[in-house]
Amino acid sequence: MAIASINPFDGKVLKRFRPDSRAVVDAKLSRAARAFGVWSKTPLVKRAQLLRRTAGLLRQRKATYARLISLEMGKPITQAEAEIDKCALVCEYYADNAAAMIAPEMVATEAQRSYVRVDPLGPVLAVMPWNFPFWQVFRFAAPALMAGNVGLLKHASNVPQSALAIAEVLHDAGAPSGVFQTLLIESGGVARVIEDPRIVAVTLTGSEPAGRQVAATAGGVLKKTILELGGSDPFIVLRDADLDKSSSAAAQARTVNSGQSCIAAKRFIIEAAVVAKFTERFVVAMRNLRLGDPLNPDTNVGPLARPDLVTDLHKQVLGSLRRGAKLLLGGKPGRGAGNFYAPTVLADVRPGMPAFDEELFGPVAAIIVAKDADDAVHLANKSSFGLGASIWSKNTAAAEKLAARLEAGAVHINDIVKSDPRLPFGGIKRSGYGRELGALGLREFCNIKSVVVK
């Protein structure tokens, strides 16, 4: 069976690839194991040079790689360009800061000298999703490579060209053979790679079912995993919020990457005193979004990445309407070619509806009424997910107290949720475990070793 790259805007096959044979995968694993023996001993300054060269090439090739992202999974071109810029930024961040993050830490004890050192683990398998086909990979690769690990990428099967382009740019930047490789394999072949003794750890960003499978397989062979799974992020608007600013930000937060983001705001929890005014503004903002060709710079919302995503999303909308939600905007797939779904706003959403309980991976927003700030926190936490959250209020001190009570890996006040190379990123509950980015993210795939000298 071939791995295919299909344009979600018109359904045309862009390119087909033959999956790697077992022999090819075995050769790549052996190459990774050999590369680790060399790369782990490579001075940090040399590793940093590789990442800086990679950042430079990413910026030089931004137009090419952004176009590839738009063609392969439908991201609006301006967002695809921003994705490439962010990949360059994370490379430079770790090139500049990794040395301090993994420097030995002296600890006072009764011994002559005690310290904690940070050592790399070895070849790490990255199982990555299609929705941010470059960023998700570099979010893993930049800290992992700077720490001295080597990487093998199993990318989503609908973005094989992006997967090969990432390996290409690192190779062109001077990565030694085996330091970073792409495995063109289907999902059914992942377990065998995880179980291979040459792989020491696994990171996955993707769906909850995929996370369960990877965690179970890795757990069976006692290998560390980092999982970043789904989210149903609450967007809390309190009665004293700036409604013009928050409603505009809400439309952006719901439709980033055409709504296909784990940290996109999905449940809009609004205090009753301002729900009518907020909803009026929000519906206007959602209605004014432009759907269309992702290669057109004026497009705000492109097609969903696959036809089945449109089908699944529509089932969730219809299920919520049957349970009493009210349709204010949209609520139907697009007509003709392209995997489009109209920007949609549902009101009167309550627990027990798919729009409240499940992750909606597309441009569908759920308006939920909270009696007051305490009720807003209660509703926000009444979810099996715990990835991100945002609070909108002019009283930032009060908002910070509420943030401490939210069950999420990140809380942004008067801003949409977004990842930042300087800060740890990840979730709790069914959103996964472990952290990427920041110093904590770099250390996740390291051996934290105590050394005591008497």
Protein backbone atom coordinates (compact mmCIF):
# COMPACT_ATOMS: atom_id res chain seq x y z
CA MET A 1 0.00 0.00 0.00
CA ALA A 2 1.34 3.44 -0.92
CA ILE A 3 1.51 6.46 1.36
CA ALA A 4 -0.24 9.32 -0.41
CA SER A 5 -0.06 13.08 -0.22
CA ILE A 6 -3.52 14.43 -1.17
CA ASN A 7 -4.49 18.08 -1.57
CA PRO A 8 -7.51 18.67 0.74
CA PHE A 9 -8.60 21.68 -1.32
CA ASP A 10 -9.36 19.73 -4.49
CA GLY A 11 -8.85 16.07 -3.56
CA LYS A 12 -6.07 15.53 -6.08
CA VAL A 13 -3.19 13.17 -5.32
CA LEU A 14 0.02 15.16 -5.17
CA LYS A 15 2.43 12.26 -4.79
CA ARG A 16 2.58 8.64 -3.70
CA PHE A 17 5.36 6.93 -1.77
CA ARG A 18 6.21 3.30 -1.20
CA PRO A 19 6.49 2.60 2.54
CA ASP A 20 9.91 1.66 3.88
CA SER A 21 10.48 -2.08 3.98
CA ARG A 22 11.47 -3.81 7.20
CA ALA A 23 15.02 -3.98 5.89
CA VAL A 24 15.09 -0.23 5.26
CA VAL A 25 13.68 0.52 8.72
CA ASP A 26 16.24 -1.81 10.30
CA ALA A 27 19.05 -0.06 8.46
CA LYS A 28 17.82 3.34 9.66
CA LEU A 29 17.64 2.11 13.25
CA SER A 30 21.21 0.82 13.04
CA ARG A 31 22.33 4.11 11.53
CA ALA A 32 20.64 5.99 14.41
CA ALA A 33 22.35 3.84 17.03
CA ARG A 34 25.76 4.46 15.45
CA ALA A 35 25.06 8.16 15.09
CA PHE A 36 24.17 8.48 18.77
CA GLY A 37 27.60 7.19 19.73
CA VAL A 38 29.14 10.11 17.89
CA TRP A 39 26.52 12.85 18.30
CA SER A 40 26.25 12.41 22.07
CA LYS A 41 29.97 13.22 22.33
CA THR A 42 29.81 16.15 19.91
CA PRO A 43 30.52 19.45 21.70
CA LEU A 44 27.49 21.62 22.38
CA VAL A 45 28.90 24.40 20.26
CA LYS A 46 28.86 22.08 17.24
CA ARG A 47 25.29 21.00 17.94
CA ALA A 48 24.29 24.65 18.22
CA GLN A 49 25.90 25.40 14.87
CA LEU A 50 23.74 22.74 13.24
CA LEU A 51 20.55 24.27 14.65
CA ARG A 52 21.55 27.79 13.63
CA ARG A 53 22.26 26.63 10.08
CA THR A 54 18.92 24.83 10.08
CA ALA A 55 17.14 28.02 11.18
CA GLY A 56 18.81 29.92 8.35
CA LEU A 57 17.74 27.37 5.75
CA LEU A 58 14.18 27.32 7.07
CA ARG A 59 13.94 31.06 6.58
CA GLN A 60 15.52 30.89 3.12
CA ARG A 61 13.07 28.19 2.05
CA LYS A 62 10.05 29.56 3.89
CA ALA A 63 7.97 30.14 0.76
CA THR A 64 8.65 26.62 -0.51
CA TYR A 65 7.93 24.86 2.77
CA ALA A 66 4.87 26.98 3.56
CA ARG A 67 3.39 26.19 0.15
CA LEU A 68 4.04 22.51 0.79
CA ILE A 69 2.17 22.67 4.12
CA SER A 70 -0.80 24.41 2.47
CA LEU A 71 -0.94 21.94 -0.39
CA GLU A 72 -0.53 18.86 1.77
CA MET A 73 -2.87 19.59 4.70
CA GLY A 74 -4.73 22.79 3.83
CA LYS A 75 -3.31 25.34 6.28
CA PRO A 76 -3.89 28.96 5.15
CA ILE A 77 -0.63 30.15 3.61
CA THR A 78 0.00 33.05 6.00
CA GLN A 79 -0.29 30.64 8.94
CA ALA A 80 1.98 28.16 7.18
CA GLU A 81 4.62 30.86 6.76
CA ALA A 82 4.32 31.71 10.46
CA GLU A 83 4.79 28.02 11.27
CA ILE A 84 8.13 27.94 9.43
CA ASP A 85 9.26 31.11 11.21
CA LYS A 86 8.44 29.49 14.56
CA CYS A 87 10.49 26.42 13.65
CA ALA A 88 13.48 28.64 12.97
CA LEU A 89 12.88 30.42 16.28
CA VAL A 90 12.87 27.20 18.33
CA CYS A 91 16.12 26.09 16.68
CA GLU A 92 17.79 29.38 17.59
CA TYR A 93 16.36 29.35 21.11
CA TYR A 94 17.90 26.01 21.98
CA ALA A 95 21.14 26.84 20.17
CA ASP A 96 21.43 29.89 22.44
CA ASN A 97 20.18 28.42 25.72
CA ALA A 98 20.69 24.65 25.85
CA ALA A 99 24.16 24.84 27.39
CA ALA A 100 22.80 26.53 30.51
CA MET A 101 19.87 24.11 30.70
CA ILE A 102 22.03 21.00 30.82
CA ALA A 103 25.00 22.36 32.74
CA PRO A 104 25.90 20.32 35.85
CA GLU A 105 24.11 21.58 38.96
CA MET A 106 26.15 21.62 42.16
CA VAL A 107 24.28 20.47 45.29
CA ALA A 108 25.57 20.98 48.82
CA THR A 109 25.80 17.71 50.78
CA GLU A 110 28.15 16.20 53.36
CA ALA A 111 30.25 14.80 50.48
CA GLN A 112 33.31 16.52 49.05
CA ARG A 113 31.35 17.33 45.95
CA SER A 114 27.85 16.45 44.75
CA TYR A 115 26.25 17.45 41.50
CA VAL A 116 23.53 16.56 39.03
CA ARG A 117 24.46 16.10 35.40
CA VAL A 118 22.15 15.81 32.39
CA ASP A 119 23.04 13.15 29.82
CA PRO A 120 21.26 12.16 26.58
CA LEU A 121 19.40 8.87 26.36
CA GLY A 122 19.80 7.73 22.75
CA PRO A 123 17.60 7.34 19.65
CA VAL A 124 14.10 8.74 20.26
CA LEU A 125 11.10 7.92 18.07
CA ALA A 126 8.77 10.84 17.34
CA VAL A 127 5.24 9.96 16.20
CA MET A 128 3.90 13.24 14.90
CA PRO A 129 0.56 14.64 13.62
CA TRP A 130 -0.40 16.38 10.41
CA ASN A 131 -1.93 19.59 11.79
CA PHE A 132 1.36 21.43 12.35
CA PRO A 133 3.55 19.25 10.14
CA PHE A 134 6.79 21.22 10.61
CA TRP A 135 6.32 22.82 14.04
CA GLN A 136 5.39 19.68 15.95
CA VAL A 137 8.54 17.99 14.66
CA PHE A 138 10.92 20.85 15.39
CA ARG A 139 9.32 21.31 18.82
CA PHE A 140 10.70 17.84 19.55
CA ALA A 141 13.82 17.84 17.41
CA ALA A 142 15.49 21.10 18.49
CA PRO A 143 15.77 20.26 22.22
CA ALA A 144 16.34 16.54 21.61
CA LEU A 145 19.25 17.11 19.24
CA MET A 146 20.78 19.81 21.41
CA ALA A 147 20.68 17.43 24.38
CA GLY A 148 22.70 14.90 22.36
CA ASN A 149 19.92 12.53 21.37
CA VAL A 150 19.18 11.46 17.80
CA GLY A 151 15.72 11.36 16.26
CA LEU A 152 13.61 9.12 14.04
CA LEU A 153 10.38 10.60 12.71
CA LYS A 154 7.23 8.63 11.97
CA HIS A 155 5.02 11.36 10.58
CA ALA A 156 1.30 11.25 9.83
CA SER A 157 0.69 9.34 6.60
CA ASN A 158 -1.01 12.28 4.87
CA VAL A 159 2.06 14.57 5.12
CA PRO A 160 4.94 12.46 3.74
CA GLN A 161 6.37 15.34 1.73
CA SER A 162 6.64 17.48 4.86
CA ALA A 163 8.32 14.59 6.67
CA LEU A 164 10.94 14.22 3.93
CA ALA A 165 11.45 17.99 3.70
CA ILE A 166 12.28 18.16 7.42
CA ALA A 167 14.90 15.44 7.07
CA GLU A 168 16.18 17.26 3.99
CA VAL A 169 16.66 20.62 5.70
CA LEU A 170 18.55 19.07 8.64
CA HIS A 171 20.74 17.10 6.23
CA ASP A 172 21.45 20.20 4.17
CA ALA A 173 22.34 22.08 7.36
CA GLY A 174 25.04 19.50 8.03
CA ALA A 175 23.47 16.92 10.34
CA PRO A 176 25.72 13.84 10.38
CA SER A 177 24.30 10.65 8.91
CA GLY A 178 21.73 9.07 11.22
CA VAL A 179 21.24 12.04 13.53
CA PHE A 180 17.73 12.69 12.17
CA GLN A 181 15.85 10.35 9.83
CA THR A 182 12.32 9.97 8.52
CA LEU A 183 10.63 6.57 8.56
CA LEU A 184 7.99 6.22 5.85
CA ILE A 185 5.87 3.64 7.62
CA GLU A 186 2.17 3.26 8.33
CA SER A 187 0.63 3.22 11.79
CA GLY A 188 0.65 -0.56 11.93
CA GLY A 189 4.44 -0.58 11.87
CA VAL A 190 4.96 1.74 14.84
CA ALA A 191 4.77 -0.90 17.57
CA ARG A 192 7.63 -2.90 16.09
CA VAL A 193 9.85 0.19 16.03
CA ILE A 194 8.98 1.08 19.64
CA GLU A 195 9.82 -2.45 20.77
CA ASP A 196 13.19 -2.42 18.99
CA PRO A 197 15.97 -2.23 21.60
CA ARG A 198 17.73 0.53 19.67
CA ILE A 199 14.85 2.94 20.47
CA VAL A 200 15.08 4.30 24.02
CA ALA A 201 12.01 6.56 24.24
CA VAL A 202 8.96 7.77 22.33
CA THR A 203 7.17 11.09 21.97
CA LEU A 204 3.72 11.33 20.42
CA THR A 205 1.46 14.22 19.56
CA GLY A 206 -1.91 13.06 18.33
CA SER A 207 -5.24 11.54 19.24
CA GLU A 208 -6.13 9.86 22.50
CA PRO A 209 -6.49 6.40 20.89
CA ALA A 210 -3.05 6.73 19.30
CA GLY A 211 -1.62 7.85 22.64
CA ARG A 212 -3.09 4.85 24.42
CA GLN A 213 -1.60 2.46 21.87
CA VAL A 214 1.86 4.03 21.96
CA ALA A 215 1.89 4.25 25.76
CA ALA A 216 0.79 0.62 26.10
CA THR A 217 3.45 -0.61 23.70
CA ALA A 218 6.21 1.48 25.25
CA GLY A 219 5.10 0.52 28.75
CA GLY A 220 5.39 -3.13 27.81
CA VAL A 221 9.09 -2.66 27.14
CA LEU A 222 9.62 -0.05 29.89
CA LYS A 223 10.41 2.91 27.66
CA LYS A 224 9.63 6.49 28.54
CA THR A 225 6.89 8.30 26.65
CA ILE A 226 5.77 11.89 26.31
CA LEU A 227 2.18 12.30 25.13
CA GLU A 228 0.49 15.49 23.92
CA LEU A 229 -3.05 14.50 23.07
CA GLY A 230 -6.36 16.24 22.51
CA GLY A 231 -7.87 19.25 24.18
CA SER A 232 -11.16 21.03 24.72
CA ASP A 233 -9.73 24.32 25.89
CA PRO A 234 -12.02 26.69 27.80
CA PHE A 235 -12.08 30.37 26.82
CA ILE A 236 -13.51 32.12 29.89
CA VAL A 237 -14.97 35.62 29.50
CA LEU A 238 -15.80 37.37 32.77
CA ARG A 239 -18.27 40.21 33.13
CA ASP A 240 -15.55 42.87 33.26
CA ALA A 241 -13.75 41.70 30.11
CA ASP A 242 -13.17 43.89 27.07
CA LEU A 243 -15.86 42.34 24.85
CA ASP A 244 -14.58 43.76 21.57
CA LYS A 245 -11.08 42.44 22.17
CA SER A 246 -12.15 39.09 23.61
CA SER A 247 -14.71 38.33 20.89
CA SER A 248 -12.22 39.11 18.14
CA ALA A 249 -9.58 36.97 19.84
CA ALA A 250 -12.17 34.21 20.32
CA ALA A 251 -12.75 33.92 16.56
CA GLN A 252 -9.01 33.74 15.99
CA ALA A 253 -8.53 31.22 18.78
CA ARG A 254 -11.30 28.95 17.48
CA THR A 255 -10.24 28.98 13.82
CA VAL A 256 -6.45 28.87 13.96
CA ASN A 257 -5.40 26.20 11.45
CA SER A 258 -9.06 26.04 10.42
CA GLY A 259 -9.91 24.88 13.95
CA GLN A 260 -7.54 21.90 13.78
CA SER A 261 -5.37 22.61 16.81
CA CYS A 262 -5.24 20.84 20.16
CA ILE A 263 -4.89 24.19 21.91
CA ALA A 264 -7.53 26.01 19.89
CA ALA A 265 -10.23 27.44 22.14
CA LYS A 266 -13.28 25.20 21.86
CA ARG A 267 -15.60 25.85 24.83
CA PHE A 268 -16.46 29.55 25.24
CA ILE A 269 -17.61 29.91 28.83
CA ILE A 270 -19.20 33.34 29.28
CA GLU A 271 -20.61 34.96 32.43
CA ALA A 272 -24.37 35.33 32.11
CA ALA A 273 -24.23 39.11 32.58
CA VAL A 274 -22.37 39.58 29.28
CA VAL A 275 -23.20 36.45 27.27
CA ALA A 276 -25.65 38.22 24.94
CA LYS A 277 -23.26 41.06 24.08
CA PHE A 278 -20.29 38.73 23.67
CA THR A 279 -22.22 36.27 21.51
CA GLU A 280 -23.45 39.02 19.19
CA ARG A 281 -19.90 40.21 18.57
CA PHE A 282 -18.50 36.69 18.29
CA VAL A 283 -21.03 35.57 15.68
CA VAL A 284 -20.21 38.63 13.56
CA ALA A 285 -16.49 37.88 13.80
CA MET A 286 -17.02 34.24 12.82
CA ARG A 287 -19.34 35.20 9.95
CA ASN A 288 -16.74 37.58 8.53
CA LEU A 289 -14.08 34.87 8.18
CA ARG A 290 -13.12 34.03 4.60
CA LEU A 291 -13.17 30.37 3.52
CA GLY A 292 -11.27 29.38 0.43
CA ASP A 293 -8.07 28.32 -1.26
CA PRO A 294 -5.37 28.02 1.42
CA LEU A 295 -2.82 29.43 -1.03
CA ASN A 296 -4.77 32.72 -1.17
CA PRO A 297 -3.29 35.12 1.44
CA ASP A 298 -6.81 36.48 2.13
CA THR A 299 -8.12 33.09 3.27
CA ASN A 300 -8.79 32.76 7.01
CA VAL A 301 -10.20 29.22 7.03
CA GLY A 302 -9.05 26.51 4.68
CA PRO A 303 -10.27 22.96 4.15
CA LEU A 304 -9.98 20.31 6.83
CA ALA A 305 -7.13 17.91 6.22
CA ARG A 306 -9.22 14.83 5.33
CA PRO A 307 -12.82 14.09 4.28
CA ASP A 308 -13.45 11.90 7.34
CA LEU A 309 -12.72 14.88 9.61
CA VAL A 310 -15.63 16.77 8.02
CA THR A 311 -17.92 13.78 8.51
CA ASP A 312 -16.94 13.32 12.16
CA LEU A 313 -17.29 17.03 12.95
CA HIS A 314 -20.76 17.22 11.41
CA LYS A 315 -21.88 14.23 13.49
CA GLN A 316 -20.77 16.05 16.63
CA VAL A 317 -22.67 19.20 15.61
CA LEU A 318 -25.85 17.26 14.82
CA GLY A 319 -25.55 15.30 18.06
CA SER A 320 -25.30 18.52 20.05
CA LEU A 321 -28.31 20.02 18.27
CA ARG A 322 -30.38 16.92 19.01
CA ARG A 323 -29.54 17.34 22.70
CA GLY A 324 -30.74 20.94 22.79
CA ALA A 325 -27.94 23.17 21.51
CA LYS A 326 -29.01 26.15 19.41
CA LEU A 327 -27.45 26.83 16.01
CA LEU A 328 -26.47 30.50 15.57
CA LEU A 329 -24.18 30.19 12.53
CA GLY A 330 -23.05 27.60 10.01
CA GLY A 331 -23.60 24.00 10.96
CA LYS A 332 -22.97 22.28 7.63
CA PRO A 333 -20.20 20.97 5.40
CA GLY A 334 -19.20 22.92 2.34
CA ARG A 335 -20.52 22.06 -1.09
CA GLY A 336 -18.42 20.89 -3.99
CA ALA A 337 -14.72 20.11 -3.92
CA GLY A 338 -12.66 20.57 -0.80
CA ASN A 339 -13.00 19.33 2.76
CA PHE A 340 -14.70 22.49 4.02
CA TYR A 341 -16.85 23.02 7.08
CA ALA A 342 -18.58 26.34 7.61
CA PRO A 343 -17.53 28.39 10.67
CA THR A 344 -20.15 27.40 13.21
CA VAL A 345 -21.42 28.77 16.52
CA LEU A 346 -23.55 26.68 18.88
CA ALA A 347 -25.31 28.28 21.86
CA ASP A 348 -26.90 26.78 24.99
CA VAL A 349 -24.24 24.06 25.09
CA ARG A 350 -24.21 22.00 28.27
CA PRO A 351 -22.43 18.93 29.67
CA GLY A 352 -23.66 15.77 28.00
CA MET A 353 -23.45 17.24 24.51
CA PRO A 354 -20.63 16.31 22.11
CA ALA A 355 -19.76 20.02 21.80
CA PHE A 356 -19.03 20.11 25.54
CA ASP A 357 -17.67 16.64 26.24
CA GLU A 358 -15.61 15.92 23.12
CA GLU A 359 -12.85 17.61 21.17
CA LEU A 360 -14.19 19.43 18.10
CA PHE A 361 -11.40 19.43 15.51
CA GLY A 362 -12.70 22.07 13.15
CA PRO A 363 -14.18 25.61 13.12
CA VAL A 364 -17.07 24.91 15.51
CA ALA A 365 -17.49 26.98 18.69
CA ALA A 366 -19.61 26.12 21.73
CA ILE A 367 -21.12 28.96 23.80
CA ILE A 368 -21.64 27.95 27.45
CA VAL A 369 -23.28 30.19 30.04
CA ALA A 370 -21.72 30.50 33.51
CA LYS A 371 -23.58 32.04 36.45
CA ASP A 372 -20.42 33.70 37.79
CA ALA A 373 -16.65 33.33 37.88
CA ASP A 374 -16.73 30.34 40.22
CA ASP A 375 -19.21 28.57 37.98
CA ALA A 376 -17.00 29.34 34.99
CA VAL A 377 -14.08 27.55 36.64
CA HIS A 378 -16.34 24.64 37.56
CA LEU A 379 -17.54 24.30 33.96
CA ALA A 380 -14.02 24.66 32.60
CA ASN A 381 -12.79 21.82 34.82
CA LYS A 382 -15.80 19.63 34.01
CA SER A 383 -13.85 18.05 31.18
CA SER A 384 -11.71 14.98 30.68
CA PHE A 385 -9.12 17.17 28.96
CA GLY A 386 -6.61 19.56 30.49
CA LEU A 387 -4.34 21.13 27.89
CA GLY A 388 -4.78 24.91 27.78
CA ALA A 389 -7.19 27.59 29.02
CA SER A 390 -7.62 31.33 28.77
CA ILE A 391 -9.30 33.92 30.99
CA TRP A 392 -10.44 37.35 29.85
CA SER A 393 -10.83 40.03 32.52
CA LYS A 394 -9.64 43.56 33.28
CA ASN A 395 -8.89 42.43 36.84
CA THR A 396 -5.73 40.42 36.19
CA ALA A 397 -5.06 39.79 39.88
CA ALA A 398 -8.44 38.09 40.27
CA ALA A 399 -7.88 36.22 37.00
CA GLU A 400 -4.57 34.84 38.30
CA LYS A 401 -6.35 33.44 41.35
CA LEU A 402 -8.80 31.71 39.04
CA ALA A 403 -5.93 30.44 36.91
CA ALA A 404 -4.53 28.59 39.91
CA ARG A 405 -7.78 26.62 40.10
CA LEU A 406 -7.97 25.64 36.43
CA GLU A 407 -7.00 22.08 35.55
CA ALA A 408 -4.75 22.76 32.57
CA GLY A 409 -1.12 22.66 31.53
CA ALA A 410 -1.18 26.33 30.56
CA VAL A 411 -3.39 29.31 31.34
CA HIS A 412 -3.20 32.56 29.36
CA ILE A 413 -4.84 35.71 30.72
CA ASN A 414 -6.14 38.18 28.12
CA ASP A 415 -4.43 36.25 25.35
CA ILE A 416 -5.07 33.15 23.29
CA VAL A 417 -3.25 29.95 24.19
CA LYS A 418 -0.07 29.37 22.22
CA SER A 419 3.17 27.50 22.76
CA ASP A 420 6.41 29.38 23.42
CA PRO A 421 9.91 27.83 23.22
CA ARG A 422 10.77 29.49 26.54
CA LEU A 423 7.92 27.85 28.49
CA PRO A 424 7.09 24.20 29.17
CA PHE A 425 4.16 22.89 27.14
CA GLY A 426 1.89 19.91 27.79
CA GLY A 427 -1.30 18.78 29.46
CA ILE A 428 -2.90 16.77 32.23
CA LYS A 429 -5.81 14.31 32.44
CA ARG A 430 -6.65 12.85 29.01
CA SER A 431 -4.58 15.55 27.30
CA GLY A 432 -1.46 13.54 28.06
CA TYR A 433 1.63 13.84 30.23
CA GLY A 434 5.17 15.12 30.14
CA ARG A 435 6.40 18.45 28.87
CA GLU A 436 8.00 19.83 25.74
CA LEU A 437 9.83 23.14 25.30
CA GLY A 438 11.61 25.21 27.92
CA ALA A 439 14.30 23.68 30.11
CA LEU A 440 11.89 21.01 31.36
CA GLY A 441 11.15 19.90 27.80
CA LEU A 442 14.83 19.54 26.97
CA ARG A 443 15.42 17.37 30.06
CA GLU A 444 12.50 15.00 29.42
CA PHE A 445 14.63 12.75 27.22
CA CYS A 446 17.72 12.90 29.39
CA ASN A 447 19.22 10.88 32.18
CA ILE A 448 19.25 13.08 35.28
CA LYS A 449 22.31 11.61 36.95
CA SER A 450 23.48 12.31 40.51
CA VAL A 451 27.23 12.17 41.07
CA VAL A 452 28.60 12.11 44.63
CA VAL A 453 32.32 12.43 45.37
CA LYS A 454 33.45 11.48 48.87
